[in-house]
Amino acid sequence: MVNRELARDYLERSRKRLLAIDLLFREKAYADVVRECQEVVELCLKGLLRTYGAGVPAVHDVSEALKKSKRRFPAPVQRKIARLCEISRTLRRDREMAFYGSEDVTPSRFYSRNDALEARDMARAVVRAVAGAIR
């Protein structure tokens, strides 16, 4: 059974998170922008998978599931799968570092305005790419 309402909820929550990301960006909370952008991308892509009856893995980077399910999606989304996978992998890489840091990395000092701009652009691109396909 496909819970399309849940997929639409993921998309709507992603759109609202983009508004929160804009606030974090204005506050120069660049590490938090990167982290939240990863969550937006994960929610949107899991909504896409759910909409088309593909398995939704319990991982943060769903690029492998997207590749395996590519034929299920509408043609406009299929053409963007490579980029969606790249975005998912890229932001997944920074998920924990942007939130927790490490002994030698303090997130608020490590992530720059440019990192936040790039992450925000990626999150917005994913929302745009899947918005019409989540029904």
N, C-alpha and C. Protein backbone atom coordinates (compact mmCIF):
# COMPACT_ATOMS: atom_id res chain seq x y z
N MET A 1 0.84 -1.19 0.00
CA MET A 1 0.00 0.00 0.00
C MET A 1 0.88 1.25 0.00
N VAL A 2 0.48 2.24 -0.79
CA VAL A 2 1.23 3.49 -0.90
C VAL A 2 0.46 4.58 -0.16
N ASN A 3 1.09 5.16 0.83
CA ASN A 3 0.47 6.24 1.60
C ASN A 3 0.88 7.57 0.95
N ARG A 4 0.09 7.97 -0.03
CA ARG A 4 0.40 9.21 -0.76
C ARG A 4 0.24 10.45 0.14
N GLU A 5 -0.64 10.37 1.10
CA GLU A 5 -0.80 11.49 2.02
C GLU A 5 0.50 11.74 2.79
N LEU A 6 1.17 10.66 3.16
CA LEU A 6 2.45 10.80 3.85
C LEU A 6 3.49 11.45 2.94
N ALA A 7 3.52 11.05 1.68
CA ALA A 7 4.45 11.64 0.73
C ALA A 7 4.17 13.13 0.55
N ARG A 8 2.91 13.50 0.45
CA ARG A 8 2.55 14.93 0.32
C ARG A 8 2.93 15.69 1.58
N ASP A 9 2.78 15.04 2.74
CA ASP A 9 3.18 15.65 4.00
C ASP A 9 4.69 15.92 4.01
N TYR A 10 5.46 14.98 3.50
CA TYR A 10 6.92 15.18 3.43
C TYR A 10 7.25 16.41 2.59
N LEU A 11 6.57 16.54 1.46
CA LEU A 11 6.82 17.68 0.58
C LEU A 11 6.42 18.99 1.26
N GLU A 12 5.26 19.02 1.86
CA GLU A 12 4.79 20.24 2.53
C GLU A 12 5.73 20.63 3.67
N ARG A 13 6.14 19.67 4.45
CA ARG A 13 7.06 19.96 5.54
C ARG A 13 8.41 20.44 5.02
N SER A 14 8.83 19.90 3.88
CA SER A 14 10.08 20.36 3.26
C SER A 14 9.97 21.81 2.84
N ARG A 15 8.84 22.17 2.27
CA ARG A 15 8.64 23.58 1.87
C ARG A 15 8.69 24.51 3.08
N LYS A 16 8.09 24.09 4.16
CA LYS A 16 8.10 24.92 5.38
C LYS A 16 9.50 25.00 5.97
N ARG A 17 10.25 23.91 5.87
CA ARG A 17 11.63 23.93 6.37
C ARG A 17 12.49 24.90 5.56
N LEU A 18 12.19 25.04 4.28
CA LEU A 18 12.94 26.01 3.48
C LEU A 18 12.78 27.42 4.04
N LEU A 19 11.61 27.72 4.56
CA LEU A 19 11.39 29.03 5.19
C LEU A 19 12.25 29.16 6.45
N ALA A 20 12.32 28.09 7.22
CA ALA A 20 13.16 28.11 8.43
C ALA A 20 14.63 28.23 8.05
N ILE A 21 15.01 27.60 6.96
CA ILE A 21 16.40 27.69 6.48
C ILE A 21 16.75 29.12 6.12
N ASP A 22 15.81 29.82 5.50
CA ASP A 22 16.06 31.24 5.18
C ASP A 22 16.31 32.05 6.45
N LEU A 23 15.57 31.78 7.49
CA LEU A 23 15.80 32.47 8.77
C LEU A 23 17.17 32.12 9.34
N LEU A 24 17.53 30.85 9.34
CA LEU A 24 18.85 30.45 9.82
C LEU A 24 19.96 31.12 9.01
N PHE A 25 19.74 31.22 7.71
CA PHE A 25 20.73 31.87 6.86
C PHE A 25 20.89 33.35 7.24
N ARG A 26 19.77 34.03 7.43
CA ARG A 26 19.84 35.45 7.83
C ARG A 26 20.56 35.61 9.17
N GLU A 27 20.42 34.64 10.03
CA GLU A 27 21.08 34.67 11.34
C GLU A 27 22.53 34.18 11.28
N LYS A 28 22.99 33.88 10.10
CA LYS A 28 24.36 33.40 9.86
C LYS A 28 24.66 32.10 10.59
N ALA A 29 23.64 31.28 10.75
CA ALA A 29 23.79 29.95 11.35
C ALA A 29 24.06 28.96 10.21
N TYR A 30 25.21 29.10 9.59
CA TYR A 30 25.50 28.38 8.37
C TYR A 30 25.57 26.86 8.55
N ALA A 31 26.12 26.40 9.65
CA ALA A 31 26.14 24.96 9.90
C ALA A 31 24.73 24.40 10.00
N ASP A 32 23.84 25.14 10.64
CA ASP A 32 22.46 24.70 10.77
C ASP A 32 21.73 24.72 9.43
N VAL A 33 22.09 25.66 8.57
CA VAL A 33 21.52 25.68 7.22
C VAL A 33 21.90 24.39 6.49
N VAL A 34 23.16 24.03 6.57
CA VAL A 34 23.62 22.81 5.89
C VAL A 34 22.87 21.59 6.42
N ARG A 35 22.77 21.47 7.73
CA ARG A 35 22.09 20.32 8.34
C ARG A 35 20.61 20.27 7.93
N GLU A 36 19.93 21.38 8.03
CA GLU A 36 18.51 21.41 7.69
C GLU A 36 18.28 21.14 6.20
N CYS A 37 19.18 21.60 5.36
CA CYS A 37 19.04 21.33 3.93
C CYS A 37 19.13 19.83 3.65
N GLN A 38 20.00 19.15 4.38
CA GLN A 38 20.08 17.70 4.22
C GLN A 38 18.75 17.06 4.57
N GLU A 39 18.12 17.51 5.62
CA GLU A 39 16.85 16.94 6.03
C GLU A 39 15.75 17.22 5.02
N VAL A 40 15.76 18.40 4.44
CA VAL A 40 14.79 18.73 3.39
C VAL A 40 14.95 17.77 2.21
N VAL A 41 16.18 17.58 1.79
CA VAL A 41 16.45 16.70 0.66
C VAL A 41 16.02 15.27 0.97
N GLU A 42 16.36 14.80 2.15
CA GLU A 42 15.97 13.44 2.54
C GLU A 42 14.45 13.27 2.55
N LEU A 43 13.75 14.21 3.15
CA LEU A 43 12.28 14.12 3.19
C LEU A 43 11.68 14.12 1.79
N CYS A 44 12.13 15.04 0.95
CA CYS A 44 11.57 15.13 -0.41
C CYS A 44 11.82 13.86 -1.20
N LEU A 45 13.04 13.37 -1.14
CA LEU A 45 13.36 12.19 -1.94
C LEU A 45 12.66 10.95 -1.41
N LYS A 46 12.49 10.85 -0.11
CA LYS A 46 11.72 9.74 0.44
C LYS A 46 10.25 9.87 0.06
N GLY A 47 9.75 11.09 -0.02
CA GLY A 47 8.38 11.30 -0.50
C GLY A 47 8.22 10.86 -1.95
N LEU A 48 9.22 11.15 -2.76
CA LEU A 48 9.20 10.72 -4.15
C LEU A 48 9.18 9.19 -4.24
N LEU A 49 10.06 8.54 -3.51
CA LEU A 49 10.10 7.08 -3.51
C LEU A 49 8.76 6.50 -3.06
N ARG A 50 8.21 7.07 -2.00
CA ARG A 50 6.94 6.58 -1.44
C ARG A 50 5.80 6.75 -2.45
N THR A 51 5.76 7.88 -3.15
CA THR A 51 4.70 8.15 -4.12
C THR A 51 4.63 7.07 -5.20
N TYR A 52 5.79 6.58 -5.61
CA TYR A 52 5.83 5.64 -6.73
C TYR A 52 6.02 4.19 -6.27
N GLY A 53 5.74 3.93 -5.00
CA GLY A 53 5.75 2.57 -4.50
C GLY A 53 7.11 1.93 -4.42
N ALA A 54 8.14 2.75 -4.41
CA ALA A 54 9.51 2.21 -4.28
C ALA A 54 9.81 2.04 -2.79
N GLY A 55 10.72 1.17 -2.51
CA GLY A 55 11.12 0.99 -1.12
C GLY A 55 11.78 2.25 -0.57
N VAL A 56 11.44 2.57 0.65
CA VAL A 56 12.02 3.75 1.30
C VAL A 56 13.01 3.24 2.34
N PRO A 57 14.30 3.35 2.05
CA PRO A 57 15.29 2.81 2.97
C PRO A 57 15.42 3.66 4.23
N ALA A 58 15.84 3.03 5.30
CA ALA A 58 16.03 3.73 6.58
C ALA A 58 17.47 4.23 6.66
N VAL A 59 17.85 5.03 5.64
CA VAL A 59 19.17 5.65 5.59
C VAL A 59 18.97 7.11 5.20
N HIS A 60 20.00 7.91 5.41
CA HIS A 60 19.87 9.34 5.12
C HIS A 60 20.15 9.67 3.65
N ASP A 61 20.98 8.89 2.99
CA ASP A 61 21.25 9.08 1.56
C ASP A 61 20.49 8.03 0.79
N VAL A 62 19.50 8.44 0.04
CA VAL A 62 18.64 7.50 -0.69
C VAL A 62 19.02 7.38 -2.17
N SER A 63 20.23 7.79 -2.52
CA SER A 63 20.62 7.80 -3.93
C SER A 63 20.57 6.41 -4.57
N GLU A 64 20.97 5.39 -3.85
CA GLU A 64 20.92 4.03 -4.43
C GLU A 64 19.48 3.62 -4.72
N ALA A 65 18.57 3.92 -3.81
CA ALA A 65 17.15 3.61 -4.02
C ALA A 65 16.59 4.39 -5.21
N LEU A 66 17.01 5.63 -5.37
CA LEU A 66 16.56 6.44 -6.51
C LEU A 66 17.02 5.80 -7.82
N LYS A 67 18.27 5.40 -7.87
CA LYS A 67 18.80 4.79 -9.10
C LYS A 67 18.06 3.50 -9.43
N LYS A 68 17.81 2.67 -8.43
CA LYS A 68 17.12 1.40 -8.65
C LYS A 68 15.68 1.60 -9.09
N SER A 69 15.07 2.72 -8.68
CA SER A 69 13.65 2.97 -8.95
C SER A 69 13.42 3.96 -10.08
N LYS A 70 14.45 4.36 -10.75
CA LYS A 70 14.39 5.43 -11.75
C LYS A 70 13.23 5.27 -12.73
N ARG A 71 12.99 4.07 -13.22
CA ARG A 71 11.95 3.84 -14.25
C ARG A 71 10.54 4.07 -13.72
N ARG A 72 10.37 4.09 -12.43
CA ARG A 72 9.04 4.31 -11.84
C ARG A 72 8.60 5.77 -11.93
N PHE A 73 9.57 6.67 -12.04
CA PHE A 73 9.28 8.11 -11.95
C PHE A 73 8.91 8.69 -13.31
N PRO A 74 8.22 9.83 -13.30
CA PRO A 74 7.91 10.52 -14.55
C PRO A 74 9.20 10.95 -15.26
N ALA A 75 9.12 11.08 -16.57
CA ALA A 75 10.30 11.42 -17.38
C ALA A 75 11.06 12.65 -16.89
N PRO A 76 10.37 13.74 -16.51
CA PRO A 76 11.14 14.91 -16.04
C PRO A 76 12.01 14.60 -14.81
N VAL A 77 11.51 13.73 -13.94
CA VAL A 77 12.30 13.35 -12.75
C VAL A 77 13.41 12.40 -13.16
N GLN A 78 13.11 11.48 -14.06
CA GLN A 78 14.14 10.54 -14.52
C GLN A 78 15.36 11.27 -15.06
N ARG A 79 15.11 12.36 -15.78
CA ARG A 79 16.21 13.12 -16.37
C ARG A 79 17.07 13.80 -15.30
N LYS A 80 16.54 13.95 -14.10
CA LYS A 80 17.27 14.64 -13.02
C LYS A 80 17.82 13.68 -11.96
N ILE A 81 17.65 12.39 -12.15
CA ILE A 81 18.06 11.43 -11.13
C ILE A 81 19.54 11.57 -10.78
N ALA A 82 20.39 11.70 -11.76
CA ALA A 82 21.83 11.79 -11.47
C ALA A 82 22.12 12.99 -10.55
N ARG A 83 21.51 14.12 -10.83
CA ARG A 83 21.73 15.31 -10.00
C ARG A 83 21.11 15.13 -8.62
N LEU A 84 19.93 14.55 -8.54
CA LEU A 84 19.29 14.31 -7.24
C LEU A 84 20.15 13.39 -6.39
N CYS A 85 20.73 12.38 -7.00
CA CYS A 85 21.61 11.46 -6.27
C CYS A 85 22.87 12.18 -5.79
N GLU A 86 23.42 13.00 -6.64
CA GLU A 86 24.61 13.76 -6.26
C GLU A 86 24.33 14.67 -5.07
N ILE A 87 23.19 15.34 -5.09
CA ILE A 87 22.81 16.21 -3.98
C ILE A 87 22.61 15.41 -2.71
N SER A 88 21.92 14.29 -2.81
CA SER A 88 21.67 13.46 -1.63
C SER A 88 22.99 13.02 -1.01
N ARG A 89 23.92 12.54 -1.83
CA ARG A 89 25.22 12.08 -1.32
C ARG A 89 26.02 13.23 -0.71
N THR A 90 26.03 14.36 -1.39
CA THR A 90 26.81 15.50 -0.92
C THR A 90 26.34 15.98 0.45
N LEU A 91 25.04 16.18 0.58
CA LEU A 91 24.53 16.69 1.86
C LEU A 91 24.59 15.64 2.95
N ARG A 92 24.45 14.38 2.61
CA ARG A 92 24.56 13.31 3.60
C ARG A 92 25.95 13.32 4.24
N ARG A 93 26.94 13.60 3.44
CA ARG A 93 28.32 13.62 3.92
C ARG A 93 28.50 14.63 5.07
N ASP A 94 27.76 15.72 5.02
CA ASP A 94 27.90 16.78 6.02
C ASP A 94 26.90 16.69 7.16
N ARG A 95 26.00 15.74 7.12
CA ARG A 95 24.91 15.67 8.10
C ARG A 95 25.38 15.75 9.55
N GLU A 96 26.21 14.82 9.97
CA GLU A 96 26.64 14.79 11.36
C GLU A 96 27.64 15.90 11.68
N MET A 97 28.56 16.16 10.75
CA MET A 97 29.58 17.18 11.00
C MET A 97 28.93 18.55 11.20
N ALA A 98 27.91 18.86 10.40
CA ALA A 98 27.25 20.16 10.52
C ALA A 98 26.49 20.29 11.84
N PHE A 99 26.09 19.17 12.39
CA PHE A 99 25.29 19.20 13.62
C PHE A 99 26.16 19.08 14.87
N TYR A 100 27.02 18.06 14.87
CA TYR A 100 27.79 17.75 16.07
C TYR A 100 29.22 18.28 16.04
N GLY A 101 29.80 18.39 14.87
CA GLY A 101 31.20 18.73 14.78
C GLY A 101 32.05 17.55 15.20
N SER A 102 33.28 17.84 15.59
CA SER A 102 34.20 16.81 16.07
C SER A 102 35.25 17.49 16.93
N GLU A 103 36.17 16.73 17.42
CA GLU A 103 37.21 17.30 18.28
C GLU A 103 37.98 18.42 17.58
N ASP A 104 38.13 18.32 16.29
CA ASP A 104 38.90 19.33 15.57
C ASP A 104 38.05 20.23 14.67
N VAL A 105 36.73 20.09 14.74
CA VAL A 105 35.84 20.91 13.91
C VAL A 105 34.67 21.43 14.75
N THR A 106 34.57 22.75 14.82
CA THR A 106 33.43 23.40 15.46
C THR A 106 32.52 23.86 14.32
N PRO A 107 31.32 23.30 14.22
CA PRO A 107 30.46 23.58 13.07
C PRO A 107 30.26 25.07 12.76
N SER A 108 30.02 25.87 13.77
CA SER A 108 29.74 27.30 13.53
C SER A 108 30.94 28.03 12.94
N ARG A 109 32.11 27.50 13.15
CA ARG A 109 33.31 28.13 12.60
C ARG A 109 33.73 27.48 11.28
N PHE A 110 33.34 26.25 11.10
CA PHE A 110 33.77 25.50 9.93
C PHE A 110 32.96 25.83 8.68
N TYR A 111 31.63 25.90 8.82
CA TYR A 111 30.77 26.12 7.65
C TYR A 111 30.66 27.61 7.35
N SER A 112 30.81 27.91 6.07
CA SER A 112 30.82 29.30 5.62
C SER A 112 29.50 29.69 4.97
N ARG A 113 29.40 30.95 4.68
CA ARG A 113 28.25 31.47 3.95
C ARG A 113 28.09 30.75 2.61
N ASN A 114 29.21 30.53 1.92
CA ASN A 114 29.16 29.84 0.63
C ASN A 114 28.68 28.40 0.78
N ASP A 115 29.10 27.71 1.84
CA ASP A 115 28.61 26.36 2.09
C ASP A 115 27.09 26.38 2.26
N ALA A 116 26.61 27.35 3.03
CA ALA A 116 25.17 27.46 3.29
C ALA A 116 24.41 27.81 2.01
N LEU A 117 24.95 28.72 1.21
CA LEU A 117 24.30 29.07 -0.06
C LEU A 117 24.19 27.86 -0.98
N GLU A 118 25.27 27.10 -1.07
CA GLU A 118 25.27 25.92 -1.93
C GLU A 118 24.26 24.88 -1.44
N ALA A 119 24.24 24.65 -0.14
CA ALA A 119 23.29 23.67 0.42
C ALA A 119 21.86 24.13 0.20
N ARG A 120 21.60 25.42 0.42
CA ARG A 120 20.25 25.95 0.24
C ARG A 120 19.81 25.83 -1.21
N ASP A 121 20.71 26.14 -2.13
CA ASP A 121 20.39 26.01 -3.55
C ASP A 121 20.07 24.55 -3.90
N MET A 122 20.83 23.62 -3.33
CA MET A 122 20.57 22.20 -3.59
C MET A 122 19.21 21.78 -3.04
N ALA A 123 18.90 22.20 -1.83
CA ALA A 123 17.60 21.84 -1.23
C ALA A 123 16.45 22.41 -2.05
N ARG A 124 16.57 23.65 -2.46
CA ARG A 124 15.52 24.25 -3.28
C ARG A 124 15.37 23.52 -4.61
N ALA A 125 16.49 23.12 -5.20
CA ALA A 125 16.44 22.40 -6.48
C ALA A 125 15.72 21.07 -6.33
N VAL A 126 15.96 20.38 -5.24
CA VAL A 126 15.29 19.09 -5.02
C VAL A 126 13.79 19.29 -4.84
N VAL A 127 13.41 20.27 -4.05
CA VAL A 127 11.97 20.53 -3.84
C VAL A 127 11.31 20.85 -5.19
N ARG A 128 11.95 21.69 -5.98
CA ARG A 128 11.38 22.02 -7.31
C ARG A 128 11.29 20.78 -8.20
N ALA A 129 12.32 19.95 -8.17
CA ALA A 129 12.38 18.79 -9.04
C ALA A 129 11.29 17.77 -8.74
N VAL A 130 10.97 17.60 -7.47
CA VAL A 130 10.01 16.54 -7.11
C VAL A 130 8.60 17.05 -6.85
N ALA A 131 8.42 18.35 -6.71
CA ALA A 131 7.12 18.90 -6.32
C ALA A 131 5.99 18.44 -7.23
N GLY A 132 6.20 18.48 -8.51
CA GLY A 132 5.14 18.07 -9.44
C GLY A 132 4.93 16.58 -9.52
N ALA A 133 5.91 15.81 -9.06
CA ALA A 133 5.82 14.35 -9.16
C ALA A 133 5.20 13.72 -7.92
N ILE A 134 5.19 14.44 -6.81
CA ILE A 134 4.56 13.92 -5.59
C ILE A 134 3.09 14.31 -5.65
N ARG A 135 2.23 13.31 -5.76
CA ARG A 135 0.81 13.58 -5.96
C ARG A 135 -0.02 12.88 -4.92
